[in-house]
Protein backbone atom coordinates (compact mmCIF):
# COMPACT_ATOMS: atom_id res chain seq x y z
CA UNK A 1 144.87 -290.91 -86.08
CA UNK A 2 143.84 -287.80 -87.01
CA UNK A 3 145.96 -284.84 -88.86
CA UNK A 4 146.89 -281.74 -86.08
CA UNK A 5 146.73 -278.45 -88.19
CA UNK A 6 148.12 -275.99 -86.56
CA UNK A 7 149.99 -272.65 -87.34
CA UNK A 8 153.41 -272.60 -87.74
CA UNK A 9 153.93 -270.13 -84.92
CA UNK A 10 151.92 -272.76 -82.61
CA UNK A 11 154.43 -275.63 -83.53
CA UNK A 12 157.35 -273.30 -82.67
CA UNK A 13 156.18 -272.68 -79.48
CA UNK A 14 155.38 -276.65 -78.76
CA UNK A 15 158.84 -277.33 -80.17
CA UNK A 16 160.56 -274.51 -77.77
CA UNK A 17 158.77 -275.76 -74.84
CA UNK A 18 159.56 -279.18 -75.23
CA UNK A 19 163.32 -278.08 -75.85
CA UNK A 20 163.31 -276.31 -72.60
CA UNK A 21 161.52 -279.06 -70.35
CA UNK A 22 164.38 -281.85 -71.97
CA UNK A 23 167.03 -279.52 -71.34
CA UNK A 24 165.63 -279.27 -67.85
CA UNK A 25 165.69 -282.83 -67.77
CA UNK A 26 169.19 -283.33 -69.34
CA UNK A 27 170.51 -280.94 -66.78
CA UNK A 28 169.21 -282.70 -63.89
CA UNK A 29 170.67 -285.72 -65.06
CA UNK A 30 173.80 -284.52 -65.48
CA UNK A 31 173.99 -282.83 -62.37
CA UNK A 32 173.26 -286.54 -60.69
CA UNK A 33 175.97 -287.75 -62.79
CA UNK A 34 178.55 -285.04 -61.65
CA UNK A 35 177.66 -285.72 -57.87
CA UNK A 36 178.58 -289.47 -58.49
CA UNK A 37 182.02 -288.44 -60.47
CA UNK A 38 182.79 -286.11 -57.65
CA UNK A 39 181.94 -288.88 -54.67
CA UNK A 40 184.26 -291.22 -56.59
CA UNK A 41 186.87 -288.40 -56.73
CA UNK A 42 186.77 -288.02 -53.12
CA UNK A 43 186.76 -291.75 -52.64
CA UNK A 44 189.79 -292.39 -54.74
CA UNK A 45 191.78 -289.17 -54.11
CA UNK A 46 191.96 -288.44 -57.63
CA UNK A 47 190.11 -287.89 -61.26
CA UNK A 48 189.51 -290.81 -63.48
CA UNK A 49 192.19 -289.48 -65.96
CA UNK A 50 194.76 -289.68 -62.90
CA UNK A 51 193.47 -293.31 -62.22
CA UNK A 52 193.92 -294.49 -65.50
CA UNK A 53 197.58 -293.20 -65.57
CA UNK A 54 198.09 -294.53 -62.43
CA UNK A 55 196.02 -297.43 -62.58
CA UNK A 56 194.51 -299.85 -60.01
CA UNK A 57 196.20 -301.26 -57.42
CA UNK A 58 197.47 -304.75 -58.07
CA UNK A 59 195.69 -305.60 -54.76
CA UNK A 60 192.53 -303.75 -55.39
CA UNK A 61 189.51 -305.76 -54.80
CA UNK A 62 186.21 -306.30 -56.56
CA UNK A 63 184.83 -303.30 -55.67
CA UNK A 64 187.48 -301.08 -57.00
CA UNK A 65 186.91 -302.60 -60.01
CA UNK A 66 183.19 -302.33 -60.17
CA UNK A 67 183.71 -298.80 -59.42
CA UNK A 68 186.28 -298.04 -62.26
CA UNK A 69 183.85 -299.50 -64.51
CA UNK A 70 180.91 -297.05 -63.10
CA UNK A 71 183.06 -294.33 -63.05
CA UNK A 72 184.06 -294.77 -66.66
CA UNK A 73 180.49 -295.16 -67.52
CA UNK A 74 179.66 -291.93 -65.46
CA UNK A 75 182.31 -290.09 -67.39
CA UNK A 76 180.93 -291.28 -70.98
CA UNK A 77 177.44 -290.28 -70.06
CA UNK A 78 178.76 -286.97 -68.71
CA UNK A 79 180.40 -286.07 -71.76
CA UNK A 80 177.30 -287.14 -73.73
CA UNK A 81 174.93 -285.65 -71.80
CA UNK A 82 177.24 -282.04 -72.15
CA UNK A 83 177.22 -282.56 -75.96
CA UNK A 84 173.37 -282.87 -75.95
CA UNK A 85 172.88 -279.83 -73.83
CA UNK A 86 175.17 -277.71 -75.78
CA UNK A 87 173.25 -278.73 -79.19
CA UNK A 88 170.05 -277.39 -77.15
């Protein structure tokens, strides 16, 4: 594979454009995750933090347990995305 030789300014511009594109992707994913989290909050009438304190009801069905696991995963992904975005 040949070595690409460019001026520093050209490399800087390439990195800048790549960063802008990546930031757009991360923000779009964050927006989708936040919509999913908002859906869970509407469905259960509370935040995940509140649900963790209150706990699932003893008679919670399989769907509620699956929702809880998905909700936790979404919250974790949101935190990760926010950290990545803040670094860009």
